[in-house]
Amino acid sequence: MKRLINITYRVLIVITAVGLLFTSCEYQEFADAEYPEQLIYMPAAFYNNYMIDKVSGTKGESPTPGYTERYKVYPESNKFSVLLGVYRSGINTNGSFIVNIEANTDTISQMLAVGALPDGTLLLPSENYSLVPSIEMKDGERLGKFDLEVDLDFLQNNSPDNKFAIGVSISSPGREVNQKLATTIIVIDTKILE
C-alpha cells in the first residue's frame, strides 16, 4: 500500500510539472511597446578611408552586408563600380522611406588641404563618376544597395600612379541618420588596374 501511495505521488508530481511547463511557455512576437527609433548609416563609413587598393578576394572583406567584395569591374559597359549600401538599425524593419545620396566634394577638398588622405590623392572629377540620387529602403529590409560608378577608361588612363577620392553622403526625410556614419570617403588607387 505504501508503495502504491509513493507511485501515485510521483505520477501527480510529473503531471503537475508537465502542466506547468505547457501553461507557462507561451510564444509571443515582440510586444507592442516603444522601441528606440531606427537609424540609418553607411557600413563603409566605419573605415577612415574606404580604400580600393587591392583585388578583392577574402570573404567578408567588404564592410557592406550582402556584398562579398568592395568593387566590380564591367569592361563591356566601361564601369568600375564601388559597391555601397545604406543599413537600417533598430529593433524592427518597419516602413518604407527614401534615402538621398550625393557626392560630398567639400569634405574631400578639406581632407586634401590638411593632408588627411594618402600622398598623391586627387579629387575624382565629377564628369568621371555617377551616383543614383536616391534609393528606396523597403519595408522589412535592413539594407539598401547602390553603386558609385566610375569611368573605367579614366581610371586605366591614370593607372598606376594616381589615387582618386570622393565622398558619398546620405540623408533622409524619413529616418534619422547616424551623422558619424553618414559619409564614406572612398579612395581608389589605380594601381589595381595594372
C-alpha atoms as a PDB file:
ATOM      1  CA  MET A   1       0.000   0.000   0.000  1.00  0.00           C
ATOM      2  CA  LYS A   2       2.817   2.386   0.920  1.00  0.00           C
ATOM      3  CA  ARG A   3       4.464   1.656  -2.438  1.00  0.00           C
ATOM      4  CA  LEU A   4       1.214   2.448  -4.304  1.00  0.00           C
ATOM      5  CA  ILE A   5       0.940   5.800  -2.497  1.00  0.00           C
ATOM      6  CA  ASN A   6       4.578   6.685  -3.470  1.00  0.00           C
ATOM      7  CA  ILE A   7       3.887   5.863  -7.123  1.00  0.00           C
ATOM      8  CA  THR A   8       0.688   7.914  -7.036  1.00  0.00           C
ATOM      9  CA  TYR A   9       2.547  10.922  -5.589  1.00  0.00           C
ATOM     10  CA  ARG A  10       5.243  10.623  -8.247  1.00  0.00           C
ATOM     11  CA  VAL A  11       2.669  10.462 -11.031  1.00  0.00           C
ATOM     12  CA  LEU A  12       0.874  13.528  -9.617  1.00  0.00           C
ATOM     13  CA  ILE A  13       4.170  15.461  -9.397  1.00  0.00           C
ATOM     14  CA  VAL A  14       5.052  14.599 -13.014  1.00  0.00           C
ATOM     15  CA  ILE A  15       1.572  15.567 -14.281  1.00  0.00           C
ATOM     16  CA  THR A  16       1.721  18.872 -12.348  1.00  0.00           C
ATOM     17  CA  ALA A  17       5.199  19.671 -13.697  1.00  0.00           C
ATOM     18  CA  VAL A  18       4.173  18.934 -17.292  1.00  0.00           C
ATOM     19  CA  GLY A  19       1.039  21.049 -16.853  1.00  0.00           C
ATOM     20  CA  LEU A  20       3.050  23.974 -15.512  1.00  0.00           C
ATOM     21  CA  LEU A  21       5.529  23.633 -18.339  1.00  0.00           C
ATOM     22  CA  PHE A  22       2.876  23.840 -21.047  1.00  0.00           C
ATOM     23  CA  THR A  23       0.910  26.660 -19.450  1.00  0.00           C
ATOM     24  CA  SER A  24       3.958  28.828 -18.691  1.00  0.00           C
ATOM     25  CA  CYS A  25       5.588  28.592 -22.159  1.00  0.00           C
ATOM     26  CA  GLU A  26       3.673  30.860 -24.456  1.00  0.00           C
ATOM     27  CA  TYR A  27       5.264  32.126 -27.691  1.00  0.00           C
ATOM     28  CA  GLN A  28       4.939  35.839 -28.338  1.00  0.00           C
ATOM     29  CA  GLU A  29       6.230  38.159 -31.062  1.00  0.00           C
ATOM     30  CA  PHE A  30       7.752  41.455 -29.976  1.00  0.00           C
ATOM     31  CA  ALA A  31       5.222  43.080 -27.720  1.00  0.00           C
ATOM     32  CA  ASP A  32       3.725  46.397 -28.723  1.00  0.00           C
ATOM     33  CA  ALA A  33       5.909  48.923 -26.961  1.00  0.00           C
ATOM     34  CA  GLU A  34       8.040  51.987 -27.544  1.00  0.00           C
ATOM     35  CA  TYR A  35      11.326  50.921 -29.119  1.00  0.00           C
ATOM     36  CA  PRO A  36      14.322  53.095 -29.982  1.00  0.00           C
ATOM     37  CA  GLU A  37      13.929  54.831 -33.320  1.00  0.00           C
ATOM     38  CA  GLN A  38      15.537  53.367 -36.410  1.00  0.00           C
ATOM     39  CA  LEU A  39      18.808  54.947 -37.520  1.00  0.00           C
ATOM     40  CA  ILE A  40      20.351  54.654 -40.962  1.00  0.00           C
ATOM     41  CA  TYR A  41      24.056  54.668 -41.803  1.00  0.00           C
ATOM     42  CA  MET A  42      26.628  53.541 -44.355  1.00  0.00           C
ATOM     43  CA  PRO A  43      28.592  50.471 -43.159  1.00  0.00           C
ATOM     44  CA  ALA A  44      31.572  51.506 -45.336  1.00  0.00           C
ATOM     45  CA  ALA A  45      31.815  54.750 -43.334  1.00  0.00           C
ATOM     46  CA  PHE A  46      33.249  52.757 -40.402  1.00  0.00           C
ATOM     47  CA  TYR A  47      36.570  52.905 -42.260  1.00  0.00           C
ATOM     48  CA  ASN A  48      38.511  56.183 -42.042  1.00  0.00           C
ATOM     49  CA  ASN A  49      39.256  55.851 -45.739  1.00  0.00           C
ATOM     50  CA  TYR A  50      37.440  53.177 -47.696  1.00  0.00           C
ATOM     51  CA  MET A  51      40.462  52.027 -49.697  1.00  0.00           C
ATOM     52  CA  ILE A  52      40.150  50.320 -53.044  1.00  0.00           C
ATOM     53  CA  ASP A  53      43.793  49.319 -53.449  1.00  0.00           C
ATOM     54  CA  LYS A  54      43.864  45.577 -53.934  1.00  0.00           C
ATOM     55  CA  VAL A  55      41.950  42.857 -55.687  1.00  0.00           C
ATOM     56  CA  SER A  56      39.029  41.621 -53.630  1.00  0.00           C
ATOM     57  CA  GLY A  57      39.234  38.012 -52.692  1.00  0.00           C
ATOM     58  CA  THR A  58      38.825  37.454 -48.995  1.00  0.00           C
ATOM     59  CA  LYS A  59      35.327  36.533 -47.859  1.00  0.00           C
ATOM     60  CA  GLY A  60      33.989  39.189 -45.540  1.00  0.00           C
ATOM     61  CA  GLU A  61      36.447  41.791 -46.831  1.00  0.00           C
ATOM     62  CA  SER A  62      33.609  44.104 -47.818  1.00  0.00           C
ATOM     63  CA  PRO A  63      32.087  46.016 -44.923  1.00  0.00           C
ATOM     64  CA  THR A  64      28.714  46.283 -46.657  1.00  0.00           C
ATOM     65  CA  PRO A  65      26.483  43.328 -45.739  1.00  0.00           C
ATOM     66  CA  GLY A  66      25.293  41.412 -48.763  1.00  0.00           C
ATOM     67  CA  TYR A  67      28.454  42.006 -50.791  1.00  0.00           C
ATOM     68  CA  THR A  68      31.486  39.726 -50.946  1.00  0.00           C
ATOM     69  CA  GLU A  69      33.798  42.384 -52.430  1.00  0.00           C
ATOM     70  CA  ARG A  70      34.335  46.147 -52.440  1.00  0.00           C
ATOM     71  CA  TYR A  71      34.089  46.683 -56.192  1.00  0.00           C
ATOM     72  CA  LYS A  72      33.287  45.083 -59.537  1.00  0.00           C
ATOM     73  CA  VAL A  73      34.671  45.824 -62.995  1.00  0.00           C
ATOM     74  CA  TYR A  74      32.346  45.799 -66.013  1.00  0.00           C
ATOM     75  CA  PRO A  75      34.517  46.168 -69.161  1.00  0.00           C
ATOM     76  CA  GLU A  76      31.519  45.799 -71.507  1.00  0.00           C
ATOM     77  CA  SER A  77      29.892  48.948 -70.077  1.00  0.00           C
ATOM     78  CA  ASN A  78      33.183  50.704 -69.197  1.00  0.00           C
ATOM     79  CA  LYS A  79      32.286  50.866 -65.482  1.00  0.00           C
ATOM     80  CA  PHE A  80      34.239  50.416 -62.285  1.00  0.00           C
ATOM     81  CA  SER A  81      31.544  50.013 -59.618  1.00  0.00           C
ATOM     82  CA  VAL A  82      32.238  50.622 -55.935  1.00  0.00           C
ATOM     83  CA  LEU A  83      29.601  48.591 -54.076  1.00  0.00           C
ATOM     84  CA  LEU A  84      27.943  50.584 -51.303  1.00  0.00           C
ATOM     85  CA  GLY A  85      24.813  50.447 -49.214  1.00  0.00           C
ATOM     86  CA  VAL A  86      22.658  52.002 -46.525  1.00  0.00           C
ATOM     87  CA  TYR A  87      21.858  49.973 -43.420  1.00  0.00           C
ATOM     88  CA  ARG A  88      18.841  50.334 -41.108  1.00  0.00           C
ATOM     89  CA  SER A  89      19.462  49.679 -37.417  1.00  0.00           C
ATOM     90  CA  GLY A  90      16.815  49.196 -34.742  1.00  0.00           C
ATOM     91  CA  ILE A  91      14.550  46.526 -33.285  1.00  0.00           C
ATOM     92  CA  ASN A  92      12.243  46.356 -36.284  1.00  0.00           C
ATOM     93  CA  THR A  93      12.429  46.987 -40.022  1.00  0.00           C
ATOM     94  CA  ASN A  94       9.006  48.573 -40.406  1.00  0.00           C
ATOM     95  CA  GLY A  95       8.309  51.192 -43.022  1.00  0.00           C
ATOM     96  CA  SER A  96       9.498  52.239 -46.460  1.00  0.00           C
ATOM     97  CA  PHE A  97      11.334  55.521 -46.979  1.00  0.00           C
ATOM     98  CA  ILE A  98      13.685  57.327 -49.353  1.00  0.00           C
ATOM     99  CA  VAL A  99      17.414  57.751 -48.747  1.00  0.00           C
ATOM    100  CA  ASN A 100      19.085  60.601 -50.635  1.00  0.00           C
ATOM    101  CA  ILE A 101      22.600  60.009 -51.967  1.00  0.00           C
ATOM    102  CA  GLU A 102      25.046  62.673 -53.063  1.00  0.00           C
ATOM    103  CA  ALA A 103      28.710  63.251 -53.743  1.00  0.00           C
ATOM    104  CA  ASN A 104      30.488  65.166 -50.992  1.00  0.00           C
ATOM    105  CA  THR A 105      33.402  67.024 -52.605  1.00  0.00           C
ATOM    106  CA  ASP A 106      33.751  69.619 -49.826  1.00  0.00           C
ATOM    107  CA  THR A 107      34.912  67.007 -47.324  1.00  0.00           C
ATOM    108  CA  ILE A 108      37.475  65.658 -49.800  1.00  0.00           C
ATOM    109  CA  SER A 109      38.795  69.178 -50.520  1.00  0.00           C
ATOM    110  CA  GLN A 110      39.182  69.815 -46.785  1.00  0.00           C
ATOM    111  CA  MET A 111      40.939  66.460 -46.243  1.00  0.00           C
ATOM    112  CA  LEU A 112      43.313  67.130 -49.148  1.00  0.00           C
ATOM    113  CA  ALA A 113      44.124  70.588 -47.730  1.00  0.00           C
ATOM    114  CA  VAL A 114      45.212  69.153 -44.370  1.00  0.00           C
ATOM    115  CA  GLY A 115      46.949  66.039 -45.744  1.00  0.00           C
ATOM    116  CA  ALA A 116      44.393  63.590 -44.342  1.00  0.00           C
ATOM    117  CA  LEU A 117      44.428  61.404 -47.459  1.00  0.00           C
ATOM    118  CA  PRO A 118      47.260  59.278 -48.875  1.00  0.00           C
ATOM    119  CA  ASP A 119      50.020  61.221 -50.677  1.00  0.00           C
ATOM    120  CA  GLY A 120      49.257  61.951 -54.298  1.00  0.00           C
ATOM    121  CA  THR A 121      45.469  61.638 -53.900  1.00  0.00           C
ATOM    122  CA  LEU A 122      43.326  63.793 -56.210  1.00  0.00           C
ATOM    123  CA  LEU A 123      39.629  64.672 -56.140  1.00  0.00           C
ATOM    124  CA  LEU A 124      37.736  62.365 -58.516  1.00  0.00           C
ATOM    125  CA  PRO A 125      36.420  64.676 -61.292  1.00  0.00           C
ATOM    126  CA  SER A 126      32.615  64.859 -61.390  1.00  0.00           C
ATOM    127  CA  GLU A 127      32.469  64.003 -65.112  1.00  0.00           C
ATOM    128  CA  ASN A 128      34.071  60.617 -64.392  1.00  0.00           C
ATOM    129  CA  TYR A 129      31.580  59.142 -61.914  1.00  0.00           C
ATOM    130  CA  SER A 130      27.848  58.799 -61.357  1.00  0.00           C
ATOM    131  CA  LEU A 131      25.585  58.087 -58.404  1.00  0.00           C
ATOM    132  CA  VAL A 132      21.874  57.427 -58.186  1.00  0.00           C
ATOM    133  CA  PRO A 133      20.223  60.416 -56.469  1.00  0.00           C
ATOM    134  CA  SER A 134      18.242  58.201 -54.087  1.00  0.00           C
ATOM    135  CA  ILE A 135      17.172  54.695 -53.207  1.00  0.00           C
ATOM    136  CA  GLU A 136      14.058  53.314 -51.544  1.00  0.00           C
ATOM    137  CA  MET A 137      14.584  51.429 -48.315  1.00  0.00           C
ATOM    138  CA  LYS A 138      11.791  48.866 -48.482  1.00  0.00           C
ATOM    139  CA  ASP A 139       9.559  47.766 -45.643  1.00  0.00           C
ATOM    140  CA  GLY A 140      11.053  44.728 -43.893  1.00  0.00           C
ATOM    141  CA  GLU A 141      14.584  45.180 -45.288  1.00  0.00           C
ATOM    142  CA  ARG A 142      17.700  46.215 -43.398  1.00  0.00           C
ATOM    143  CA  LEU A 143      19.946  47.005 -46.395  1.00  0.00           C
ATOM    144  CA  GLY A 144      19.508  49.190 -49.458  1.00  0.00           C
ATOM    145  CA  LYS A 145      22.282  48.741 -52.053  1.00  0.00           C
ATOM    146  CA  PHE A 146      23.678  51.215 -54.570  1.00  0.00           C
ATOM    147  CA  ASP A 147      26.887  51.692 -56.573  1.00  0.00           C
ATOM    148  CA  LEU A 148      29.314  54.513 -57.228  1.00  0.00           C
ATOM    149  CA  GLU A 149      30.042  54.033 -60.938  1.00  0.00           C
ATOM    150  CA  VAL A 150      33.413  55.333 -62.162  1.00  0.00           C
ATOM    151  CA  ASP A 151      34.553  55.611 -65.790  1.00  0.00           C
ATOM    152  CA  LEU A 152      36.856  52.619 -66.295  1.00  0.00           C
ATOM    153  CA  ASP A 153      38.813  54.238 -69.168  1.00  0.00           C
ATOM    154  CA  PHE A 154      39.552  57.257 -66.963  1.00  0.00           C
ATOM    155  CA  LEU A 155      40.976  55.031 -64.213  1.00  0.00           C
ATOM    156  CA  GLN A 156      43.005  52.934 -66.678  1.00  0.00           C
ATOM    157  CA  ASN A 157      44.425  56.069 -68.348  1.00  0.00           C
ATOM    158  CA  ASN A 158      45.607  57.264 -64.906  1.00  0.00           C
ATOM    159  CA  SER A 159      46.999  53.920 -63.754  1.00  0.00           C
ATOM    160  CA  PRO A 160      49.223  53.084 -61.888  1.00  0.00           C
ATOM    161  CA  ASP A 161      50.385  56.401 -60.474  1.00  0.00           C
ATOM    162  CA  ASN A 162      47.238  58.159 -59.279  1.00  0.00           C
ATOM    163  CA  LYS A 163      44.760  57.815 -56.454  1.00  0.00           C
ATOM    164  CA  PHE A 164      41.321  59.410 -56.614  1.00  0.00           C
ATOM    165  CA  ALA A 165      38.999  60.218 -53.724  1.00  0.00           C
ATOM    166  CA  ILE A 166      35.324  61.041 -53.459  1.00  0.00           C
ATOM    167  CA  GLY A 167      32.947  61.355 -50.521  1.00  0.00           C
ATOM    168  CA  VAL A 168      29.474  59.823 -50.690  1.00  0.00           C
ATOM    169  CA  SER A 169      26.889  61.070 -48.183  1.00  0.00           C
ATOM    170  CA  ILE A 170      23.368  60.009 -47.258  1.00  0.00           C
ATOM    171  CA  SER A 171      20.366  61.855 -45.829  1.00  0.00           C
ATOM    172  CA  SER A 172      16.698  61.024 -45.412  1.00  0.00           C
ATOM    173  CA  PRO A 173      13.478  62.849 -44.617  1.00  0.00           C
ATOM    174  CA  GLY A 174      12.035  59.525 -43.401  1.00  0.00           C
ATOM    175  CA  ARG A 175      14.593  58.362 -40.817  1.00  0.00           C
ATOM    176  CA  GLU A 176      17.276  59.831 -38.618  1.00  0.00           C
ATOM    177  CA  VAL A 177      20.829  59.399 -39.932  1.00  0.00           C
ATOM    178  CA  ASN A 178      23.776  58.470 -37.718  1.00  0.00           C
ATOM    179  CA  GLN A 179      25.882  61.536 -38.571  1.00  0.00           C
ATOM    180  CA  LYS A 180      29.151  59.812 -37.616  1.00  0.00           C
ATOM    181  CA  LEU A 181      28.492  57.223 -40.349  1.00  0.00           C
ATOM    182  CA  ALA A 182      26.711  59.396 -42.922  1.00  0.00           C
ATOM    183  CA  THR A 183      29.699  59.926 -45.265  1.00  0.00           C
ATOM    184  CA  THR A 184      32.021  57.345 -46.780  1.00  0.00           C
ATOM    185  CA  ILE A 185      35.403  58.575 -48.011  1.00  0.00           C
ATOM    186  CA  ILE A 186      36.343  56.350 -50.971  1.00  0.00           C
ATOM    187  CA  VAL A 187      39.941  56.262 -52.218  1.00  0.00           C
ATOM    188  CA  ILE A 188      40.617  54.370 -55.466  1.00  0.00           C
ATOM    189  CA  ASP A 189      44.270  53.539 -56.090  1.00  0.00           C
ATOM    190  CA  THR A 190      44.586  52.982 -59.848  1.00  0.00           C
ATOM    191  CA  LYS A 191      47.455  50.512 -59.355  1.00  0.00           C
ATOM    192  CA  ILE A 192      44.810  47.778 -59.049  1.00  0.00           C
ATOM    193  CA  LEU A 193      44.103  48.146 -62.780  1.00  0.00           C
ATOM    194  CA  GLU A 194      47.618  47.193 -63.918  1.00  0.00           C
END
